[in-house]
C-alpha cells in the first residue's frame, strides 16, 4: 500500500485539488483519513479510474419509439379533455358552459 497526498493525486489525475476535495466530500473517490489528513492509496485510485470507464451507449430504438408514442397519446388526451372547456381565473376552474351564457 502506497499512500499519497492530495497534491500527488491531483497531479496524477490532472484535476484541481478542489475537485478532489469535492469528490472526497461526496464519497466518489476512495480515500483514508489519518488524524484529519487525507491520504489516497495509489493502487485503489488506479482501480477506481479503471472502473470509471464509461460503458458504450447503444440506444434502444424500440424504447425511444414507445416513449414518443406515449407522449403523443398524453398530448392527444389532454387536447380532447380541454376541447370546449373555458378557464375561469377568478374561480380557478374550467367549465363547459362558461362563455356560452347569454348576456342581459
Protein backbone atom coordinates (compact mmCIF):
# COMPACT_ATOMS: atom_id res chain seq x y z
CA UNK A 1 0.00 0.00 0.00
CA UNK A 2 1.44 3.32 -1.10
CA UNK A 3 -0.32 6.29 0.46
CA UNK A 4 -0.04 9.63 -1.35
CA UNK A 5 -1.22 13.18 -0.70
CA UNK A 6 -3.99 15.08 -2.40
CA UNK A 7 -1.41 17.11 -4.31
CA UNK A 8 0.16 13.97 -5.81
CA UNK A 9 -3.24 12.55 -6.80
CA UNK A 10 -4.20 15.92 -8.27
CA UNK A 11 -1.10 15.88 -10.47
CA UNK A 12 -1.59 12.23 -11.43
CA UNK A 13 -5.25 12.60 -12.40
CA UNK A 14 -4.77 16.11 -13.85
CA UNK A 15 -7.62 17.58 -11.79
CA UNK A 16 -7.73 20.51 -9.37
CA UNK A 17 -7.27 19.82 -5.68
CA UNK A 18 -10.64 21.47 -5.05
CA UNK A 19 -12.26 18.88 -7.33
CA UNK A 20 -10.66 16.09 -5.31
CA UNK A 21 -11.89 17.63 -2.06
CA UNK A 22 -15.38 17.68 -3.57
CA UNK A 23 -15.08 14.03 -4.63
CA UNK A 24 -13.93 13.10 -1.12
CA UNK A 25 -16.80 15.04 0.45
CA UNK A 26 -19.32 13.25 -1.82
CA UNK A 27 -17.69 9.84 -1.33
CA UNK A 28 -16.88 9.44 -5.02
CA UNK A 29 -13.17 8.65 -4.71
CA UNK A 30 -11.59 6.12 -2.29
CA UNK A 31 -9.58 7.79 0.46
CA UNK A 32 -8.22 7.42 4.00
CA UNK A 33 -8.33 9.99 6.75
CA UNK A 34 -5.39 9.75 9.14
CA UNK A 35 -5.61 12.16 12.08
CA UNK A 36 -7.52 14.61 9.87
CA UNK A 37 -5.14 14.27 6.90
CA UNK A 38 -6.41 12.93 3.59
CA UNK A 39 -4.40 10.16 2.02
CA UNK A 40 -5.02 8.00 -1.03
CA UNK A 41 -3.84 4.50 -1.88
CA UNK A 42 -2.38 4.74 -5.38
CA UNK A 43 -3.46 1.17 -6.29
CA UNK A 44 -7.06 1.89 -5.21
CA UNK A 45 -7.08 5.13 -7.18
CA UNK A 46 -5.84 3.38 -10.32
CA UNK A 47 -8.51 0.67 -9.90
CA UNK A 48 -11.15 3.37 -9.37
CA UNK A 49 -10.03 5.11 -12.57
CA UNK A 50 -10.23 1.81 -14.47
CA UNK A 51 -13.75 1.16 -13.21
CA UNK A 52 -14.81 4.70 -14.09
CA UNK A 53 -14.51 3.99 -17.81
CA UNK A 54 -17.88 4.75 -19.42
CA UNK A 55 -19.85 1.94 -20.98
CA UNK A 56 -20.62 2.35 -24.67
CA UNK A 57 -24.18 3.58 -25.08
CA UNK A 58 -26.39 1.78 -27.56
CA UNK A 59 -29.77 3.48 -27.89
CA UNK A 60 -32.78 1.19 -27.88
CA UNK A 61 -34.91 2.24 -30.86
CA UNK A 62 -37.93 0.30 -29.61
CA UNK A 63 -37.88 2.12 -26.27
CA UNK A 64 -37.47 5.51 -27.93
CA UNK A 65 -40.42 4.86 -30.24
CA UNK A 66 -42.57 3.68 -27.33
CA UNK A 67 -41.74 6.80 -25.34
CA UNK A 68 -42.64 9.12 -28.21
CA UNK A 69 -45.92 7.23 -28.73
CA UNK A 70 -46.68 7.63 -25.02
CA UNK A 71 -46.06 11.37 -25.21
CA UNK A 72 -48.24 11.69 -28.31
CA UNK A 73 -51.04 9.80 -26.54
CA UNK A 74 -50.79 12.03 -23.47
CA UNK A 75 -50.95 15.18 -25.60
CA UNK A 76 -53.90 13.82 -27.61
CA UNK A 77 -55.84 13.01 -24.43
CA UNK A 78 -55.11 16.43 -22.94
CA UNK A 79 -56.39 18.16 -26.09
CA UNK A 80 -59.54 16.02 -26.16
CA UNK A 81 -60.24 16.76 -22.50
CA UNK A 82 -59.71 20.51 -22.95
CA UNK A 83 -61.95 20.91 -26.04
CA UNK A 84 -64.98 23.05 -25.30
CA UNK A 85 -63.81 23.99 -21.82
CA UNK A 86 -63.08 27.54 -20.78
CA UNK A 87 -60.90 28.58 -17.86
CA UNK A 88 -62.26 30.97 -15.24
CA UNK A 89 -59.26 32.55 -13.48
CA UNK A 90 -61.37 34.07 -10.69
CA UNK A 91 -62.74 30.64 -9.70
CA UNK A 92 -59.68 28.72 -10.88
CA UNK A 93 -61.80 26.14 -12.63
CA UNK A 94 -62.81 25.05 -16.08
CA UNK A 95 -66.39 24.81 -17.22
CA UNK A 96 -68.21 23.66 -20.34
CA UNK A 97 -70.94 26.28 -20.02
CA UNK A 98 -68.74 29.28 -19.37
CA UNK A 99 -68.61 31.59 -22.36
CA UNK A 100 -71.88 30.23 -23.67
CA UNK A 101 -74.12 32.29 -21.34
CA UNK A 102 -76.45 34.94 -22.70
CA UNK A 103 -75.78 38.49 -21.63
CA UNK A 104 -78.67 40.59 -20.27
